[in-house]
N, C-alpha and C. Protein backbone atom coordinates (compact mmCIF):
# COMPACT_ATOMS: atom_id res chain seq x y z
N UNK A 1 -38.56 67.54 -159.81
CA UNK A 1 -39.31 66.49 -160.46
C UNK A 1 -39.64 65.35 -159.43
N UNK A 2 -40.78 64.84 -159.46
CA UNK A 2 -41.27 64.14 -157.88
C UNK A 2 -40.80 62.77 -158.88
N UNK A 3 -40.76 61.60 -157.87
CA UNK A 3 -40.67 60.36 -158.22
C UNK A 3 -42.07 59.54 -158.70
N UNK A 4 -43.12 59.74 -158.70
CA UNK A 4 -43.93 59.63 -158.81
C UNK A 4 -43.97 59.78 -160.86
N UNK A 5 -43.44 61.07 -160.81
CA UNK A 5 -43.32 62.00 -162.48
C UNK A 5 -42.07 61.47 -163.01
N UNK A 6 -41.40 60.70 -161.78
CA UNK A 6 -40.04 59.91 -162.88
C UNK A 6 -40.66 59.12 -163.32
N UNK A 7 -41.19 57.96 -162.44
CA UNK A 7 -41.43 56.87 -162.58
C UNK A 7 -42.46 56.75 -163.89
N UNK A 8 -43.62 57.77 -163.59
CA UNK A 8 -44.17 58.20 -164.78
C UNK A 8 -44.05 57.85 -166.26
N UNK A 9 -42.76 58.37 -166.27
CA UNK A 9 -42.19 58.85 -167.76
C UNK A 9 -41.34 57.98 -168.13
N UNK A 10 -40.88 57.20 -167.00
CA UNK A 10 -40.06 55.97 -167.45
C UNK A 10 -40.45 55.60 -169.01
N UNK A 11 -41.48 55.27 -169.36
CA UNK A 11 -41.39 54.05 -170.66
C UNK A 11 -40.67 55.45 -171.41
N UNK A 12 -40.61 56.51 -171.22
CA UNK A 12 -40.77 57.90 -172.30
C UNK A 12 -39.00 57.63 -172.79
N UNK A 13 -38.23 57.46 -171.36
CA UNK A 13 -37.38 58.08 -171.11
C UNK A 13 -36.45 56.33 -171.91
N UNK A 14 -37.00 55.17 -171.73
CA UNK A 14 -36.67 53.97 -171.85
C UNK A 14 -36.81 54.07 -173.77
N UNK A 15 -37.68 54.37 -174.03
CA UNK A 15 -37.77 54.49 -175.12
C UNK A 15 -36.99 55.02 -176.36
N UNK A 16 -36.78 56.09 -175.75
CA UNK A 16 -35.77 57.31 -176.30
C UNK A 16 -34.57 56.81 -175.78
N UNK A 17 -34.01 55.69 -174.86
CA UNK A 17 -32.42 55.61 -174.37
C UNK A 17 -31.77 55.07 -175.57
N UNK A 18 -31.95 54.45 -176.44
CA UNK A 18 -30.89 54.26 -177.17
C UNK A 18 -30.52 55.52 -177.99
N UNK A 19 -31.05 56.90 -178.53
CA UNK A 19 -30.16 57.86 -178.94
C UNK A 19 -29.49 58.87 -178.12
N UNK A 20 -30.71 58.71 -176.60
CA UNK A 20 -29.65 59.43 -174.96
C UNK A 20 -28.49 59.17 -174.82
N UNK A 21 -28.29 57.52 -175.14
CA UNK A 21 -26.71 56.81 -175.30
C UNK A 21 -25.80 57.07 -175.95
N UNK A 22 -26.30 57.37 -177.04
CA UNK A 22 -25.44 58.14 -178.38
C UNK A 22 -25.06 59.85 -177.89
N UNK A 23 -26.17 60.34 -177.27
CA UNK A 23 -26.14 61.79 -176.78
C UNK A 23 -25.23 62.16 -175.33
N UNK A 24 -25.03 60.58 -174.66
CA UNK A 24 -24.35 60.70 -173.29
C UNK A 24 -22.56 60.54 -173.64
N UNK A 25 -22.43 59.29 -175.00
CA UNK A 25 -21.41 59.84 -175.31
C UNK A 25 -20.39 60.90 -175.53
N UNK A 26 -21.27 61.88 -176.63
CA UNK A 26 -20.87 63.29 -177.05
C UNK A 26 -20.93 63.96 -175.66
N UNK A 27 -21.67 63.92 -175.26
CA UNK A 27 -21.74 64.68 -173.54
C UNK A 27 -20.15 64.71 -173.10
N UNK A 28 -20.45 63.24 -172.71
CA UNK A 28 -18.70 63.04 -172.28
C UNK A 28 -17.25 63.83 -172.58
N UNK A 29 -17.40 63.59 -174.15
CA UNK A 29 -16.32 64.07 -174.75
C UNK A 29 -16.57 65.61 -174.12
N UNK A 30 -17.90 65.74 -174.58
CA UNK A 30 -17.74 67.54 -174.80
C UNK A 30 -17.50 67.91 -172.67
N UNK A 31 -17.56 67.08 -172.12
CA UNK A 31 -17.03 67.91 -170.61
C UNK A 31 -15.73 67.48 -170.47
N UNK A 32 -15.55 66.63 -171.02
CA UNK A 32 -14.14 65.69 -171.03
C UNK A 32 -13.10 67.67 -171.85
N UNK A 33 -14.08 67.78 -173.28
CA UNK A 33 -12.98 69.56 -173.37
C UNK A 33 -13.64 70.51 -172.55
N UNK A 34 -14.28 70.50 -171.58
CA UNK A 34 -14.52 71.88 -170.86
C UNK A 34 -16.01 71.93 -170.36
N UNK A 35 -16.71 71.29 -171.36
CA UNK A 35 -18.66 72.11 -171.42
C UNK A 35 -18.84 71.52 -169.96
N UNK A 36 -19.77 72.59 -169.44
CA UNK A 36 -20.79 71.63 -168.44
C UNK A 36 -21.89 71.47 -168.30
N UNK A 37 -22.13 70.35 -167.38
CA UNK A 37 -23.48 69.48 -167.26
C UNK A 37 -24.25 70.29 -166.57
N UNK A 38 -25.85 70.15 -166.74
CA UNK A 38 -26.76 70.61 -165.69
C UNK A 38 -27.57 69.29 -165.92
N UNK A 39 -28.39 69.53 -165.04
CA UNK A 39 -30.12 68.53 -165.03
C UNK A 39 -30.86 69.29 -164.97
N UNK A 40 -31.86 68.91 -166.15
CA UNK A 40 -33.04 70.30 -165.83
C UNK A 40 -34.34 69.94 -166.96
N UNK A 41 -35.03 70.20 -166.48
CA UNK A 41 -36.82 69.77 -167.55
C UNK A 41 -35.96 68.10 -167.73
N UNK A 42 -35.51 67.73 -166.52
CA UNK A 42 -35.19 65.47 -167.31
C UNK A 42 -34.89 65.61 -168.25
N UNK A 43 -33.99 66.25 -168.32
CA UNK A 43 -32.76 66.73 -169.29
C UNK A 43 -31.39 66.39 -168.53
N UNK A 44 -30.51 66.11 -169.56
CA UNK A 44 -28.75 66.61 -169.20
C UNK A 44 -28.68 67.68 -170.02
N UNK A 45 -28.70 69.18 -169.64
CA UNK A 45 -28.03 70.05 -170.23
C UNK A 45 -26.53 69.81 -170.61
N UNK A 46 -25.71 70.44 -171.92
CA UNK A 46 -24.44 70.59 -171.81
C UNK A 46 -24.37 71.73 -172.50
N UNK A 47 -22.85 72.36 -172.10
CA UNK A 47 -22.96 74.01 -172.43
C UNK A 47 -21.03 74.46 -172.33
N UNK A 48 -21.39 74.88 -173.38
CA UNK A 48 -19.73 74.97 -174.10
C UNK A 48 -18.74 74.60 -173.94
N UNK A 49 -17.51 74.88 -173.60
CA UNK A 49 -16.51 73.47 -173.98
C UNK A 49 -15.43 74.31 -175.47
N UNK A 50 -14.66 73.18 -175.39
CA UNK A 50 -13.65 73.44 -176.86
C UNK A 50 -14.74 72.44 -178.22
N UNK A 51 -15.79 72.12 -177.50
CA UNK A 51 -16.40 70.61 -178.93
C UNK A 51 -17.10 72.41 -178.88
N UNK A 52 -17.50 73.37 -178.73
CA UNK A 52 -18.82 74.16 -178.93
C UNK A 52 -17.91 75.15 -179.30
N UNK A 53 -16.75 75.99 -179.24
CA UNK A 53 -15.64 76.42 -180.00
C UNK A 53 -15.77 75.83 -181.83
N UNK A 54 -14.94 74.58 -181.69
CA UNK A 54 -15.65 74.20 -183.09
C UNK A 54 -16.39 74.24 -183.99
N UNK A 55 -17.40 73.91 -183.34
CA UNK A 55 -18.70 74.17 -183.63
C UNK A 55 -18.98 75.24 -183.99
N UNK A 56 -18.40 76.38 -183.22
CA UNK A 56 -18.85 77.65 -183.82
C UNK A 56 -18.06 77.49 -185.16
N UNK A 57 -17.00 77.34 -185.67
CA UNK A 57 -15.99 77.54 -186.61
C UNK A 57 -16.49 76.89 -187.87
N UNK A 58 -17.78 76.19 -187.30
CA UNK A 58 -17.74 75.62 -188.90
C UNK A 58 -18.54 76.98 -190.21
N UNK A 59 -18.50 76.87 -191.20
CA UNK A 59 -19.47 77.67 -192.52
C UNK A 59 -21.13 77.60 -192.04
N UNK A 60 -21.32 79.06 -191.72
CA UNK A 60 -22.05 79.60 -191.53
C UNK A 60 -23.65 78.73 -191.72
N UNK A 61 -23.90 77.59 -192.79
CA UNK A 61 -24.71 77.63 -192.93
C UNK A 61 -24.93 75.79 -192.34
N UNK A 62 -23.69 75.53 -192.07
CA UNK A 62 -24.18 74.29 -190.61
C UNK A 62 -23.50 74.42 -189.23
N UNK A 63 -23.12 75.97 -189.51
CA UNK A 63 -23.38 76.35 -188.09
C UNK A 63 -24.22 75.82 -187.39
N UNK A 64 -23.61 75.02 -185.49
CA UNK A 64 -24.95 74.86 -184.83
C UNK A 64 -24.98 75.62 -183.45
N UNK A 65 -26.07 76.34 -183.36
CA UNK A 65 -26.00 76.83 -181.75
C UNK A 65 -26.26 75.71 -180.70
N UNK A 66 -27.20 75.25 -181.36
CA UNK A 66 -28.03 74.33 -179.63
C UNK A 66 -29.01 72.81 -180.52
N UNK A 67 -28.38 71.71 -180.03
CA UNK A 67 -29.38 70.20 -180.98
C UNK A 67 -30.22 69.26 -179.55
N UNK A 68 -29.97 68.69 -179.93
CA UNK A 68 -30.88 67.36 -178.62
C UNK A 68 -30.63 65.91 -179.54
N UNK A 69 -29.99 65.00 -178.86
CA UNK A 69 -29.37 63.67 -178.66
C UNK A 69 -30.47 63.42 -177.39
N UNK A 70 -31.83 62.83 -177.88
CA UNK A 70 -32.39 61.34 -176.87
C UNK A 70 -32.98 62.77 -175.88
N UNK A 71 -32.29 62.47 -174.50
CA UNK A 71 -32.85 63.73 -173.26
C UNK A 71 -31.61 64.48 -172.77
N UNK A 72 -30.52 64.30 -173.76
CA UNK A 72 -29.46 65.40 -174.06
C UNK A 72 -29.77 66.34 -174.91
N UNK A 73 -29.41 67.47 -174.42
CA UNK A 73 -29.35 69.03 -175.24
C UNK A 73 -28.39 69.50 -174.88
N UNK A 74 -27.14 69.86 -176.12
CA UNK A 74 -26.10 70.25 -176.52
C UNK A 74 -26.64 72.17 -176.89
N UNK A 75 -25.63 73.34 -175.88
CA UNK A 75 -25.45 74.42 -176.49
C UNK A 75 -23.99 75.09 -176.30
N UNK A 76 -23.73 75.70 -177.84
CA UNK A 76 -22.52 76.39 -177.26
C UNK A 76 -22.59 77.17 -176.32
N UNK A 77 -23.44 77.79 -176.04
CA UNK A 77 -22.87 78.70 -174.60
C UNK A 77 -24.37 79.00 -173.81
N UNK A 78 -24.20 79.96 -172.81
CA UNK A 78 -25.71 79.96 -171.92
C UNK A 78 -26.46 80.34 -172.53
N UNK A 79 -26.28 81.63 -173.39
CA UNK A 79 -27.05 82.59 -173.86
C UNK A 79 -28.31 81.57 -175.02
N UNK A 80 -27.20 80.54 -175.30
CA UNK A 80 -28.21 80.08 -176.63
C UNK A 80 -28.73 78.95 -176.24
N UNK A 81 -28.10 78.29 -174.45
CA UNK A 81 -29.39 77.07 -174.18
C UNK A 81 -30.26 78.13 -173.78
N UNK A 82 -30.16 79.34 -173.08
CA UNK A 82 -32.03 80.11 -172.44
C UNK A 82 -32.21 80.48 -173.95
N UNK A 83 -31.85 80.65 -174.89
CA UNK A 83 -32.41 81.05 -176.65
C UNK A 83 -33.21 79.75 -176.54
N UNK A 84 -32.54 78.18 -176.72
CA UNK A 84 -33.42 77.86 -177.52
C UNK A 84 -33.70 76.40 -176.65
N UNK A 85 -33.55 76.56 -175.13
CA UNK A 85 -34.12 75.73 -174.18
C UNK A 85 -35.33 74.69 -174.62
N UNK A 86 -36.75 75.96 -175.07
CA UNK A 86 -37.42 75.37 -175.07
C UNK A 86 -37.92 74.59 -176.33
N UNK A 87 -37.51 74.73 -177.88
CA UNK A 87 -37.29 74.31 -178.86
C UNK A 87 -36.87 73.63 -179.01
N UNK A 88 -35.54 73.13 -178.39
CA UNK A 88 -34.44 71.44 -178.05
C UNK A 88 -35.66 70.51 -177.20
N UNK A 89 -36.18 71.34 -176.34
CA UNK A 89 -37.19 70.57 -175.17
C UNK A 89 -38.52 69.82 -175.93
N UNK A 90 -38.79 70.44 -177.52
CA UNK A 90 -39.99 70.02 -177.96
C UNK A 90 -39.25 68.20 -178.99
N UNK A 91 -37.73 68.89 -179.21
CA UNK A 91 -37.04 67.88 -179.96
C UNK A 91 -37.09 66.67 -179.05
N UNK A 92 -37.16 67.20 -177.59
CA UNK A 92 -36.97 65.70 -176.64
C UNK A 92 -38.00 64.88 -176.33
N UNK A 93 -39.16 65.62 -176.67
CA UNK A 93 -40.69 65.31 -177.03
C UNK A 93 -41.11 64.77 -178.16
N UNK A 94 -40.46 64.88 -178.81
CA UNK A 94 -40.38 64.19 -180.53
C UNK A 94 -39.77 62.42 -180.13
N UNK A 95 -38.07 62.50 -179.44
CA UNK A 95 -37.40 61.64 -179.07
C UNK A 95 -38.59 60.86 -178.44
N UNK A 96 -39.17 61.47 -177.02
CA UNK A 96 -39.89 59.88 -176.61
C UNK A 96 -41.14 59.12 -177.32
N UNK A 97 -41.52 60.98 -178.90
CA UNK A 97 -43.18 60.20 -178.88
C UNK A 97 -42.44 58.72 -180.16
N UNK A 98 -40.99 59.17 -180.73
CA UNK A 98 -41.27 58.43 -181.84
C UNK A 98 -39.27 57.49 -181.42
N UNK A 99 -38.50 58.04 -180.21
CA UNK A 99 -38.14 56.88 -179.98
C UNK A 99 -36.41 56.57 -180.97
N UNK A 100 -36.11 55.51 -181.63
CA UNK A 100 -35.13 54.89 -182.23
C UNK A 100 -34.69 55.52 -183.75
N UNK A 101 -36.32 55.76 -183.89
CA UNK A 101 -36.89 55.53 -185.22
C UNK A 101 -36.91 57.52 -185.19
N UNK A 102 -36.29 58.46 -184.51
CA UNK A 102 -36.92 59.61 -184.86
C UNK A 102 -35.49 60.11 -185.69
N UNK A 103 -34.00 59.85 -185.53
CA UNK A 103 -33.13 60.71 -186.08
C UNK A 103 -33.55 59.95 -187.70
N UNK A 104 -33.91 58.21 -188.26
CA UNK A 104 -34.24 58.48 -189.49
C UNK A 104 -35.48 59.46 -189.96
N UNK A 105 -36.47 59.49 -189.00
CA UNK A 105 -37.51 59.93 -189.30
C UNK A 105 -37.24 61.79 -189.55
N UNK A 106 -36.33 62.68 -188.79
CA UNK A 106 -35.52 63.43 -188.85
C UNK A 106 -35.63 63.67 -190.19
N UNK A 107 -34.01 63.09 -190.47
CA UNK A 107 -33.68 63.17 -191.86
C UNK A 107 -34.77 62.62 -193.42
N UNK A 108 -35.69 61.68 -192.95
CA UNK A 108 -36.48 61.42 -194.17
C UNK A 108 -36.90 62.33 -194.32
N UNK A 109 -37.39 63.53 -192.88
CA UNK A 109 -38.46 64.39 -193.46
C UNK A 109 -37.17 65.70 -194.56
N UNK A 110 -36.47 65.93 -193.70
CA UNK A 110 -34.90 67.16 -194.70
C UNK A 110 -35.49 66.48 -196.13
N UNK A 111 -34.52 64.92 -196.13
CA UNK A 111 -34.79 64.76 -197.61
C UNK A 111 -35.85 65.10 -198.32
N UNK A 112 -37.16 65.05 -198.04
CA UNK A 112 -38.29 65.29 -199.00
C UNK A 112 -38.36 66.68 -199.14
N UNK A 113 -38.31 67.34 -198.20
CA UNK A 113 -38.37 68.50 -197.99
C UNK A 113 -37.46 69.30 -199.07
N UNK A 114 -35.86 68.62 -199.52
CA UNK A 114 -34.97 69.16 -200.91
C UNK A 114 -35.45 68.59 -201.71
N UNK A 115 -36.48 67.46 -201.81
CA UNK A 115 -36.81 66.47 -202.85
C UNK A 115 -37.88 67.61 -203.37
N UNK A 116 -38.77 68.26 -202.95
CA UNK A 116 -39.58 69.38 -203.25
C UNK A 116 -38.64 70.74 -203.20
N UNK A 117 -38.15 70.96 -203.16
CA UNK A 117 -37.15 72.19 -203.35
C UNK A 117 -37.68 73.19 -202.59
N UNK A 118 -37.62 72.43 -201.00
CA UNK A 118 -37.94 73.22 -199.75
C UNK A 118 -36.76 73.35 -199.38
N UNK A 119 -36.82 74.21 -197.93
CA UNK A 119 -35.74 73.94 -197.10
C UNK A 119 -35.18 72.94 -195.99
N UNK A 120 -34.49 71.98 -196.43
CA UNK A 120 -34.55 70.94 -195.84
C UNK A 120 -34.66 71.74 -194.01
N UNK A 121 -34.44 72.35 -193.28
CA UNK A 121 -34.47 72.54 -192.02
C UNK A 121 -35.32 73.24 -191.81
N UNK A 122 -35.78 73.84 -192.31
CA UNK A 122 -36.98 74.95 -191.82
C UNK A 122 -38.21 74.26 -192.35
N UNK A 123 -38.02 73.70 -193.33
CA UNK A 123 -39.58 72.97 -193.97
C UNK A 123 -39.85 71.35 -193.41
N UNK A 124 -38.47 71.12 -192.65
CA UNK A 124 -38.78 69.63 -192.07
C UNK A 124 -39.98 70.04 -191.44
N UNK A 125 -40.80 68.35 -190.82
CA UNK A 125 -42.00 68.66 -190.38
C UNK A 125 -41.72 68.87 -188.62
N UNK A 126 -40.50 68.07 -188.21
CA UNK A 126 -40.33 68.17 -186.51
C UNK A 126 -39.77 69.40 -186.35
N UNK A 127 -38.96 70.31 -187.73
CA UNK A 127 -38.37 71.69 -186.83
C UNK A 127 -39.90 72.74 -187.06
N UNK A 128 -40.48 72.75 -187.85
CA UNK A 128 -41.31 73.12 -188.04
C UNK A 128 -42.25 73.07 -186.71
N UNK A 129 -42.74 72.17 -185.87
CA UNK A 129 -43.35 71.67 -184.68
C UNK A 129 -42.92 72.48 -183.51
N UNK A 130 -40.70 72.20 -183.34
CA UNK A 130 -39.83 72.89 -182.51
C UNK A 130 -40.37 74.79 -182.81
N UNK A 131 -40.60 75.10 -183.66
CA UNK A 131 -40.77 76.52 -184.34
C UNK A 131 -41.96 76.75 -184.14
N UNK A 132 -42.74 75.95 -183.39
CA UNK A 132 -44.10 77.22 -183.09
C UNK A 132 -44.01 77.56 -181.56
N UNK A 133 -43.27 76.99 -181.09
CA UNK A 133 -42.65 76.93 -179.25
C UNK A 133 -42.58 78.62 -178.91
N UNK A 134 -43.63 79.23 -178.03
CA UNK A 134 -43.49 80.46 -177.80
C UNK A 134 -41.75 80.50 -176.65
N UNK A 135 -40.96 81.55 -177.48
CA UNK A 135 -40.09 81.79 -177.45
C UNK A 135 -39.32 81.36 -177.93
N UNK A 136 -39.34 80.48 -178.85
CA UNK A 136 -38.14 79.88 -180.50
C UNK A 136 -38.04 81.63 -181.24
N UNK A 137 -36.61 81.15 -181.32
CA UNK A 137 -36.01 82.26 -181.59
C UNK A 137 -36.58 82.55 -183.76
N UNK A 138 -37.01 80.73 -183.97
CA UNK A 138 -37.71 81.18 -185.33
C UNK A 138 -39.20 80.74 -185.51
N UNK A 139 -39.57 81.53 -184.16
CA UNK A 139 -41.19 81.71 -184.88
C UNK A 139 -41.17 82.99 -185.58
N UNK A 140 -42.19 82.92 -186.94
CA UNK A 140 -42.57 83.28 -187.92
C UNK A 140 -41.51 83.14 -189.03
N UNK A 141 -40.91 82.26 -189.05
CA UNK A 141 -39.67 81.75 -190.32
C UNK A 141 -40.20 80.81 -190.92
N UNK A 142 -41.46 79.82 -190.49
CA UNK A 142 -42.04 79.10 -191.31
C UNK A 142 -42.54 79.77 -192.30
């Protein structure tokens, strides 16, 4: 990413910053617990470690293999990061669009879907947008 691109994207980084800060706190804990971090696609990507081991032990319905907080993406393994990166980058763009409102809007969308008797994850508007990405492991589950 060039300096011009970075400067042009600065408002997006600032608008998503409150969520990215929360993500950085979790990233620090994850790295202290053995995760590896890399900067890629304008995001900090955190992979593996003991935090990931704990996540993998969650019950199936709660099992998370990748998730995003602002400009920080986590994945339980390199394979998961490679599989879900494009999907998670859509969520990064959503954080850039909605900033600190995004977590509330995401949860609200899930609650509305649940009240309508739909799956709160797969029917969530933000997930549906992310699932449309070519290469998303969820394409076709909408």
